[in-house]
């Protein structure tokens, strides 16, 4: 089975927020986030995928997600790049 670790970006007011998660079906998961049926944190925003990485093992995907969430420097660099592409 394949799993994806993904990063979303959304805008609430004047602030851009990011969210990191993992899923088997990334498009279905994005739909849940955008229809307020995903994680509580993602409610109330329109989300876009700005990063995804494929894994063939759930354990590796979960491990990468954990480390990715903790790596603020990497997340901020991806966020800055996507702001230039998505919202300018």
PDB file of N, CA and C in Angstrom:
ATOM      1  N   UNK A   1       0.832  -1.197   0.000  1.00  0.00           N
ATOM      2  CA  UNK A   1       0.000   0.000   0.000  1.00  0.00           C
ATOM      3  C   UNK A   1       0.864   1.244   0.000  1.00  0.00           C
ATOM      4  N   UNK A   2       0.338   2.286  -0.578  1.00  0.00           N
ATOM      5  CA  UNK A   2       1.069   3.548  -0.575  1.00  0.00           C
ATOM      6  C   UNK A   2       0.416   4.529   0.389  1.00  0.00           C
ATOM      7  N   UNK A   3       1.246   5.340   0.976  1.00  0.00           N
ATOM      8  CA  UNK A   3       0.823   6.396   1.894  1.00  0.00           C
ATOM      9  C   UNK A   3       1.512   7.683   1.470  1.00  0.00           C
ATOM     10  N   UNK A   4       0.883   8.795   1.777  1.00  0.00           N
ATOM     11  CA  UNK A   4       1.453  10.099   1.476  1.00  0.00           C
ATOM     12  C   UNK A   4       1.545  10.929   2.749  1.00  0.00           C
ATOM     13  N   UNK A   5       2.636  11.633   2.886  1.00  0.00           N
ATOM     14  CA  UNK A   5       2.745  12.691   3.889  1.00  0.00           C
ATOM     15  C   UNK A   5       2.556  13.972   3.096  1.00  0.00           C
ATOM     16  N   UNK A   6       1.688  14.836   3.597  1.00  0.00           N
ATOM     17  CA  UNK A   6       1.345  16.042   2.846  1.00  0.00           C
ATOM     18  C   UNK A   6       1.361  17.268   3.739  1.00  0.00           C
ATOM     19  N   UNK A   7       1.495  18.413   3.094  1.00  0.00           N
ATOM     20  CA  UNK A   7       1.416  19.695   3.796  1.00  0.00           C
ATOM     21  C   UNK A   7       0.402  20.550   3.058  1.00  0.00           C
ATOM     22  N   UNK A   8      -0.513  21.126   3.808  1.00  0.00           N
ATOM     23  CA  UNK A   8      -1.549  21.994   3.261  1.00  0.00           C
ATOM     24  C   UNK A   8      -1.286  23.425   3.679  1.00  0.00           C
ATOM     25  N   UNK A   9      -1.806  24.353   2.883  1.00  0.00           N
ATOM     26  CA  UNK A   9      -1.771  25.759   3.263  1.00  0.00           C
ATOM     27  C   UNK A   9      -3.186  26.316   3.110  1.00  0.00           C
ATOM     28  N   UNK A  10      -3.571  27.137   4.048  1.00  0.00           N
ATOM     29  CA  UNK A  10      -4.884  27.764   4.023  1.00  0.00           C
ATOM     30  C   UNK A  10      -4.795  29.155   4.608  1.00  0.00           C
ATOM     31  N   UNK A  11      -5.782  29.971   4.304  1.00  0.00           N
ATOM     32  CA  UNK A  11      -5.779  31.352   4.768  1.00  0.00           C
ATOM     33  C   UNK A  11      -6.985  31.597   5.664  1.00  0.00           C
ATOM     34  N   UNK A  12      -6.708  32.126   6.844  1.00  0.00           N
ATOM     35  CA  UNK A  12      -7.759  32.567   7.774  1.00  0.00           C
ATOM     36  C   UNK A  12      -7.512  34.034   8.038  1.00  0.00           C
ATOM     37  N   UNK A  13      -8.386  34.881   7.561  1.00  0.00           N
ATOM     38  CA  UNK A  13      -8.168  36.319   7.689  1.00  0.00           C
ATOM     39  C   UNK A  13      -6.956  36.724   6.884  1.00  0.00           C
ATOM     40  N   UNK A  14      -5.995  37.349   7.534  1.00  0.00           N
ATOM     41  CA  UNK A  14      -4.760  37.765   6.859  1.00  0.00           C
ATOM     42  C   UNK A  14      -3.601  36.810   7.123  1.00  0.00           C
ATOM     43  N   UNK A  15      -3.861  35.708   7.801  1.00  0.00           N
ATOM     44  CA  UNK A  15      -2.798  34.785   8.197  1.00  0.00           C
ATOM     45  C   UNK A  15      -2.869  33.485   7.389  1.00  0.00           C
ATOM     46  N   UNK A  16      -1.694  33.020   6.957  1.00  0.00           N
ATOM     47  CA  UNK A  16      -1.591  31.748   6.263  1.00  0.00           C
ATOM     48  C   UNK A  16      -1.145  30.679   7.250  1.00  0.00           C
ATOM     49  N   UNK A  17      -1.903  29.589   7.319  1.00  0.00           N
ATOM     50  CA  UNK A  17      -1.601  28.485   8.217  1.00  0.00           C
ATOM     51  C   UNK A  17      -1.220  27.256   7.414  1.00  0.00           C
ATOM     52  N   UNK A  18      -0.433  26.388   8.025  1.00  0.00           N
ATOM     53  CA  UNK A  18      -0.090  25.126   7.389  1.00  0.00           C
ATOM     54  C   UNK A  18      -0.551  23.974   8.264  1.00  0.00           C
ATOM     55  N   UNK A  19      -0.725  22.838   7.628  1.00  0.00           N
ATOM     56  CA  UNK A  19      -1.133  21.616   8.315  1.00  0.00           C
ATOM     57  C   UNK A  19      -0.387  20.455   7.676  1.00  0.00           C
ATOM     58  N   UNK A  20       0.120  19.546   8.483  1.00  0.00           N
ATOM     59  CA  UNK A  20       0.833  18.369   7.998  1.00  0.00           C
ATOM     60  C   UNK A  20       0.074  17.128   8.456  1.00  0.00           C
ATOM     61  N   UNK A  21      -0.067  16.171   7.538  1.00  0.00           N
ATOM     62  CA  UNK A  21      -0.729  14.923   7.876  1.00  0.00           C
ATOM     63  C   UNK A  21      -0.267  13.807   6.971  1.00  0.00           C
ATOM     64  N   UNK A  22      -0.856  12.633   7.158  1.00  0.00           N
ATOM     65  CA  UNK A  22      -0.573  11.517   6.257  1.00  0.00           C
ATOM     66  C   UNK A  22      -1.886  10.836   5.907  1.00  0.00           C
ATOM     67  N   UNK A  23      -1.935  10.211   4.736  1.00  0.00           N
ATOM     68  CA  UNK A  23      -3.149   9.547   4.278  1.00  0.00           C
ATOM     69  C   UNK A  23      -2.818   8.570   3.161  1.00  0.00           C
ATOM     70  N   UNK A  24      -3.715   7.633   2.936  1.00  0.00           N
ATOM     71  CA  UNK A  24      -3.563   6.721   1.799  1.00  0.00           C
ATOM     72  C   UNK A  24      -4.099   7.375   0.535  1.00  0.00           C
ATOM     73  N   UNK A  25      -5.240   8.039   0.634  1.00  0.00           N
ATOM     74  CA  UNK A  25      -5.858   8.705  -0.518  1.00  0.00           C
ATOM     75  C   UNK A  25      -5.817  10.210  -0.268  1.00  0.00           C
ATOM     76  N   UNK A  26      -4.842  10.864  -0.850  1.00  0.00           N
ATOM     77  CA  UNK A  26      -4.581  12.269  -0.545  1.00  0.00           C
ATOM     78  C   UNK A  26      -5.699  13.202  -1.051  1.00  0.00           C
ATOM     79  N   UNK A  27      -6.286  12.884  -2.197  1.00  0.00           N
ATOM     80  CA  UNK A  27      -7.350  13.739  -2.729  1.00  0.00           C
ATOM     81  C   UNK A  27      -8.617  13.636  -1.874  1.00  0.00           C
ATOM     82  N   UNK A  28      -8.948  12.447  -1.430  1.00  0.00           N
ATOM     83  CA  UNK A  28     -10.096  12.267  -0.552  1.00  0.00           C
ATOM     84  C   UNK A  28      -9.865  12.974   0.785  1.00  0.00           C
ATOM     85  N   UNK A  29      -8.651  12.905   1.292  1.00  0.00           N
ATOM     86  CA  UNK A  29      -8.323  13.565   2.565  1.00  0.00           C
ATOM     87  C   UNK A  29      -8.428  15.083   2.426  1.00  0.00           C
ATOM     88  N   UNK A  30      -7.958  15.623   1.303  1.00  0.00           N
ATOM     89  CA  UNK A  30      -8.081  17.063   1.058  1.00  0.00           C
ATOM     90  C   UNK A  30      -9.552  17.473   1.008  1.00  0.00           C
ATOM     91  N   UNK A  31     -10.370  16.670   0.357  1.00  0.00           N
ATOM     92  CA  UNK A  31     -11.805  16.948   0.295  1.00  0.00           C
ATOM     93  C   UNK A  31     -12.413  16.990   1.696  1.00  0.00           C
ATOM     94  N   UNK A  32     -12.004  16.068   2.557  1.00  0.00           N
ATOM     95  CA  UNK A  32     -12.512  16.075   3.935  1.00  0.00           C
ATOM     96  C   UNK A  32     -12.080  17.333   4.679  1.00  0.00           C
ATOM     97  N   UNK A  33     -10.827  17.748   4.504  1.00  0.00           N
ATOM     98  CA  UNK A  33     -10.373  18.978   5.153  1.00  0.00           C
ATOM     99  C   UNK A  33     -11.187  20.175   4.667  1.00  0.00           C
ATOM    100  N   UNK A  34     -11.465  20.234   3.375  1.00  0.00           N
ATOM    101  CA  UNK A  34     -12.162  21.387   2.806  1.00  0.00           C
ATOM    102  C   UNK A  34     -13.668  21.373   3.043  1.00  0.00           C
ATOM    103  N   UNK A  35     -14.223  20.250   3.504  1.00  0.00           N
ATOM    104  CA  UNK A  35     -15.648  20.188   3.820  1.00  0.00           C
ATOM    105  C   UNK A  35     -15.878  20.075   5.330  1.00  0.00           C
ATOM    106  N   UNK A  36     -14.870  20.468   6.101  1.00  0.00           N
ATOM    107  CA  UNK A  36     -14.946  20.500   7.566  1.00  0.00           C
ATOM    108  C   UNK A  36     -15.179  19.131   8.195  1.00  0.00           C
ATOM    109  N   UNK A  37     -14.724  18.072   7.529  1.00  0.00           N
ATOM    110  CA  UNK A  37     -14.839  16.724   8.079  1.00  0.00           C
ATOM    111  C   UNK A  37     -13.470  16.132   8.380  1.00  0.00           C
ATOM    112  N   UNK A  38     -12.432  16.947   8.243  1.00  0.00           N
ATOM    113  CA  UNK A  38     -11.069  16.494   8.525  1.00  0.00           C
ATOM    114  C   UNK A  38     -10.704  16.820   9.956  1.00  0.00           C
ATOM    115  N   UNK A  39      -9.463  17.134  10.177  1.00  0.00           N
ATOM    116  CA  UNK A  39      -8.981  17.484  11.511  1.00  0.00           C
ATOM    117  C   UNK A  39      -9.643  18.777  11.998  1.00  0.00           C
ATOM    118  N   UNK A  40      -9.824  18.878  13.287  1.00  0.00           N
ATOM    119  CA  UNK A  40     -10.466  20.049  13.883  1.00  0.00           C
ATOM    120  C   UNK A  40      -9.727  21.343  13.518  1.00  0.00           C
ATOM    121  N   UNK A  41      -8.408  21.290  13.473  1.00  0.00           N
ATOM    122  CA  UNK A  41      -7.589  22.467  13.163  1.00  0.00           C
ATOM    123  C   UNK A  41      -7.870  23.027  11.772  1.00  0.00           C
ATOM    124  N   UNK A  42      -8.279  22.180  10.850  1.00  0.00           N
ATOM    125  CA  UNK A  42      -8.443  22.614   9.458  1.00  0.00           C
ATOM    126  C   UNK A  42      -9.815  23.193   9.147  1.00  0.00           C
ATOM    127  N   UNK A  43     -10.698  23.193  10.088  1.00  0.00           N
ATOM    128  CA  UNK A  43     -12.057  23.699   9.826  1.00  0.00           C
ATOM    129  C   UNK A  43     -12.049  25.201   9.573  1.00  0.00           C
ATOM    130  N   UNK A  44     -12.842  25.617   8.589  1.00  0.00           N
ATOM    131  CA  UNK A  44     -13.026  27.037   8.323  1.00  0.00           C
ATOM    132  C   UNK A  44     -12.070  27.638   7.307  1.00  0.00           C
ATOM    133  N   UNK A  45     -11.242  26.831   6.669  1.00  0.00           N
ATOM    134  CA  UNK A  45     -10.319  27.347   5.660  1.00  0.00           C
ATOM    135  C   UNK A  45     -10.427  26.523   4.392  1.00  0.00           C
ATOM    136  N   UNK A  46     -10.061  27.130   3.281  1.00  0.00           N
ATOM    137  CA  UNK A  46      -9.924  26.421   2.011  1.00  0.00           C
ATOM    138  C   UNK A  46      -8.456  26.034   1.901  1.00  0.00           C
ATOM    139  N   UNK A  47      -8.170  24.741   1.839  1.00  0.00           N
ATOM    140  CA  UNK A  47      -6.809  24.232   1.868  1.00  0.00           C
ATOM    141  C   UNK A  47      -6.333  23.825   0.495  1.00  0.00           C
ATOM    142  N   UNK A  48      -5.016  23.966   0.282  1.00  0.00           N
ATOM    143  CA  UNK A  48      -4.345  23.529  -0.945  1.00  0.00           C
ATOM    144  C   UNK A  48      -3.146  22.676  -0.559  1.00  0.00           C
ATOM    145  N   UNK A  49      -2.873  21.673  -1.365  1.00  0.00           N
ATOM    146  CA  UNK A  49      -1.692  20.837  -1.135  1.00  0.00           C
ATOM    147  C   UNK A  49      -0.476  21.566  -1.690  1.00  0.00           C
ATOM    148  N   UNK A  50       0.543  21.746  -0.853  1.00  0.00           N
ATOM    149  CA  UNK A  50       1.767  22.407  -1.317  1.00  0.00           C
ATOM    150  C   UNK A  50       2.973  21.485  -1.247  1.00  0.00           C
ATOM    151  N   UNK A  51       2.802  20.296  -0.651  1.00  0.00           N
ATOM    152  CA  UNK A  51       3.894  19.339  -0.558  1.00  0.00           C
ATOM    153  C   UNK A  51       3.300  17.956  -0.373  1.00  0.00           C
ATOM    154  N   UNK A  52       3.881  16.970  -1.045  1.00  0.00           N
ATOM    155  CA  UNK A  52       3.503  15.584  -0.789  1.00  0.00           C
ATOM    156  C   UNK A  52       4.687  14.684  -1.077  1.00  0.00           C
ATOM    157  N   UNK A  53       4.784  13.618  -0.296  1.00  0.00           N
ATOM    158  CA  UNK A  53       5.858  12.641  -0.455  1.00  0.00           C
ATOM    159  C   UNK A  53       5.242  11.257  -0.303  1.00  0.00           C
ATOM    160  N   UNK A  54       5.604  10.363  -1.202  1.00  0.00           N
ATOM    161  CA  UNK A  54       5.019   9.025  -1.256  1.00  0.00           C
ATOM    162  C   UNK A  54       5.868   8.015  -0.486  1.00  0.00           C
ATOM    163  N   UNK A  55       5.173   7.121   0.241  1.00  0.00           N
ATOM    164  CA  UNK A  55       5.814   6.042   0.989  1.00  0.00           C
ATOM    165  C   UNK A  55       5.090   4.741   0.694  1.00  0.00           C
ATOM    166  N   UNK A  56       5.809   3.624   0.769  1.00  0.00           N
ATOM    167  CA  UNK A  56       5.218   2.317   0.530  1.00  0.00           C
ATOM    168  C   UNK A  56       5.019   1.540   1.825  1.00  0.00           C
ATOM    169  N   UNK A  57       5.107   2.256   2.943  1.00  0.00           N
ATOM    170  CA  UNK A  57       5.031   1.625   4.250  1.00  0.00           C
ATOM    171  C   UNK A  57       4.423   2.630   5.225  1.00  0.00           C
ATOM    172  N   UNK A  58       3.388   2.233   5.938  1.00  0.00           N
ATOM    173  CA  UNK A  58       2.701   3.140   6.864  1.00  0.00           C
ATOM    174  C   UNK A  58       3.630   3.613   7.977  1.00  0.00           C
ATOM    175  N   UNK A  59       4.444   2.733   8.497  1.00  0.00           N
ATOM    176  CA  UNK A  59       5.350   3.090   9.594  1.00  0.00           C
ATOM    177  C   UNK A  59       6.323   4.187   9.161  1.00  0.00           C
ATOM    178  N   UNK A  60       6.873   4.065   7.955  1.00  0.00           N
ATOM    179  CA  UNK A  60       7.797   5.087   7.449  1.00  0.00           C
ATOM    180  C   UNK A  60       7.081   6.411   7.214  1.00  0.00           C
ATOM    181  N   UNK A  61       5.861   6.344   6.715  1.00  0.00           N
ATOM    182  CA  UNK A  61       5.083   7.577   6.492  1.00  0.00           C
ATOM    183  C   UNK A  61       4.806   8.286   7.813  1.00  0.00           C
ATOM    184  N   UNK A  62       4.409   7.539   8.817  1.00  0.00           N
ATOM    185  CA  UNK A  62       4.115   8.135  10.121  1.00  0.00           C
ATOM    186  C   UNK A  62       5.369   8.717  10.764  1.00  0.00           C
ATOM    187  N   UNK A  63       6.478   8.034  10.608  1.00  0.00           N
ATOM    188  CA  UNK A  63       7.739   8.532  11.152  1.00  0.00           C
ATOM    189  C   UNK A  63       8.154   9.833  10.458  1.00  0.00           C
ATOM    190  N   UNK A  64       8.038   9.851   9.137  1.00  0.00           N
ATOM    191  CA  UNK A  64       8.394  11.063   8.392  1.00  0.00           C
ATOM    192  C   UNK A  64       7.466  12.219   8.769  1.00  0.00           C
ATOM    193  N   UNK A  65       6.165  11.931   8.908  1.00  0.00           N
ATOM    194  CA  UNK A  65       5.205  12.966   9.304  1.00  0.00           C
ATOM    195  C   UNK A  65       5.604  13.580  10.648  1.00  0.00           C
ATOM    196  N   UNK A  66       5.973  12.738  11.597  1.00  0.00           N
ATOM    197  CA  UNK A  66       6.366  13.217  12.921  1.00  0.00           C
ATOM    198  C   UNK A  66       7.564  14.159  12.820  1.00  0.00           C
ATOM    199  N   UNK A  67       8.589  13.759  12.092  1.00  0.00           N
ATOM    200  CA  UNK A  67       9.798  14.587  11.964  1.00  0.00           C
ATOM    201  C   UNK A  67       9.536  15.845  11.139  1.00  0.00           C
ATOM    202  N   UNK A  68       8.685  15.727  10.128  1.00  0.00           N
ATOM    203  CA  UNK A  68       8.337  16.872   9.284  1.00  0.00           C
ATOM    204  C   UNK A  68       7.590  17.931  10.091  1.00  0.00           C
ATOM    205  N   UNK A  69       6.693  17.499  10.955  1.00  0.00           N
ATOM    206  CA  UNK A  69       5.955  18.443  11.806  1.00  0.00           C
ATOM    207  C   UNK A  69       6.896  19.207  12.730  1.00  0.00           C
ATOM    208  N   UNK A  70       7.941  18.567  13.186  1.00  0.00           N
ATOM    209  CA  UNK A  70       8.889  19.196  14.111  1.00  0.00           C
ATOM    210  C   UNK A  70       9.899  20.107  13.408  1.00  0.00           C
ATOM    211  N   UNK A  71      10.088  19.949  12.104  1.00  0.00           N
ATOM    212  CA  UNK A  71      11.091  20.700  11.354  1.00  0.00           C
ATOM    213  C   UNK A  71      10.491  22.018  10.840  1.00  0.00           C
ATOM    214  N   UNK A  72      10.460  23.024  11.692  1.00  0.00           N
ATOM    215  CA  UNK A  72       9.855  24.321  11.356  1.00  0.00           C
ATOM    216  C   UNK A  72      10.593  25.024  10.225  1.00  0.00           C
ATOM    217  N   UNK A  73      11.905  24.849  10.165  1.00  0.00           N
ATOM    218  CA  UNK A  73      12.694  25.499   9.120  1.00  0.00           C
ATOM    219  C   UNK A  73      12.281  24.988   7.737  1.00  0.00           C
ATOM    220  N   UNK A  74      12.157  23.691   7.581  1.00  0.00           N
ATOM    221  CA  UNK A  74      11.736  23.107   6.304  1.00  0.00           C
ATOM    222  C   UNK A  74      10.314  23.519   5.964  1.00  0.00           C
ATOM    223  N   UNK A  75       9.417  23.450   6.943  1.00  0.00           N
ATOM    224  CA  UNK A  75       8.016  23.822   6.697  1.00  0.00           C
ATOM    225  C   UNK A  75       7.902  25.282   6.274  1.00  0.00           C
ATOM    226  N   UNK A  76       8.662  26.165   6.919  1.00  0.00           N
ATOM    227  CA  UNK A  76       8.604  27.583   6.554  1.00  0.00           C
ATOM    228  C   UNK A  76       9.164  27.837   5.160  1.00  0.00           C
ATOM    229  N   UNK A  77      10.194  27.107   4.757  1.00  0.00           N
ATOM    230  CA  UNK A  77      10.743  27.315   3.412  1.00  0.00           C
ATOM    231  C   UNK A  77       9.748  26.843   2.352  1.00  0.00           C
ATOM    232  N   UNK A  78       9.059  25.735   2.594  1.00  0.00           N
ATOM    233  CA  UNK A  78       8.028  25.265   1.665  1.00  0.00           C
ATOM    234  C   UNK A  78       6.876  26.258   1.634  1.00  0.00           C
ATOM    235  N   UNK A  79       6.507  26.786   2.789  1.00  0.00           N
ATOM    236  CA  UNK A  79       5.416  27.758   2.879  1.00  0.00           C
ATOM    237  C   UNK A  79       5.747  29.026   2.083  1.00  0.00           C
ATOM    238  N   UNK A  80       6.968  29.531   2.225  1.00  0.00           N
ATOM    239  CA  UNK A  80       7.366  30.741   1.504  1.00  0.00           C
ATOM    240  C   UNK A  80       7.326  30.534  -0.001  1.00  0.00           C
ATOM    241  N   UNK A  81       7.845  29.389  -0.463  1.00  0.00           N
ATOM    242  CA  UNK A  81       7.822  29.088  -1.901  1.00  0.00           C
ATOM    243  C   UNK A  81       6.398  29.010  -2.427  1.00  0.00           C
ATOM    244  N   UNK A  82       5.518  28.382  -1.669  1.00  0.00           N
ATOM    245  CA  UNK A  82       4.144  28.215  -2.138  1.00  0.00           C
ATOM    246  C   UNK A  82       3.362  29.522  -2.114  1.00  0.00           C
ATOM    247  N   UNK A  83       3.664  30.405  -1.176  1.00  0.00           N
ATOM    248  CA  UNK A  83       2.978  31.694  -1.132  1.00  0.00           C
ATOM    249  C   UNK A  83       3.253  32.492  -2.414  1.00  0.00           C
ATOM    250  N   UNK A  84       4.474  32.400  -2.905  1.00  0.00           N
ATOM    251  CA  UNK A  84       4.817  33.088  -4.143  1.00  0.00           C
ATOM    252  C   UNK A  84       4.056  32.510  -5.330  1.00  0.00           C
ATOM    253  N   UNK A  85       3.872  31.188  -5.364  1.00  0.00           N
ATOM    254  CA  UNK A  85       3.209  30.537  -6.482  1.00  0.00           C
ATOM    255  C   UNK A  85       1.684  30.612  -6.394  1.00  0.00           C
ATOM    256  N   UNK A  86       1.132  30.360  -5.214  1.00  0.00           N
ATOM    257  CA  UNK A  86      -0.323  30.191  -5.054  1.00  0.00           C
ATOM    258  C   UNK A  86      -1.105  31.478  -4.827  1.00  0.00           C
ATOM    259  N   UNK A  87      -0.512  32.426  -4.163  1.00  0.00           N
ATOM    260  CA  UNK A  87      -1.309  33.546  -3.675  1.00  0.00           C
ATOM    261  C   UNK A  87      -0.848  34.907  -4.182  1.00  0.00           C
ATOM    262  N   UNK A  88       0.061  34.963  -5.137  1.00  0.00           N
ATOM    263  CA  UNK A  88       0.515  36.254  -5.655  1.00  0.00           C
ATOM    264  C   UNK A  88      -0.099  36.539  -7.003  1.00  0.00           C
TER     265      UNK A  88
END
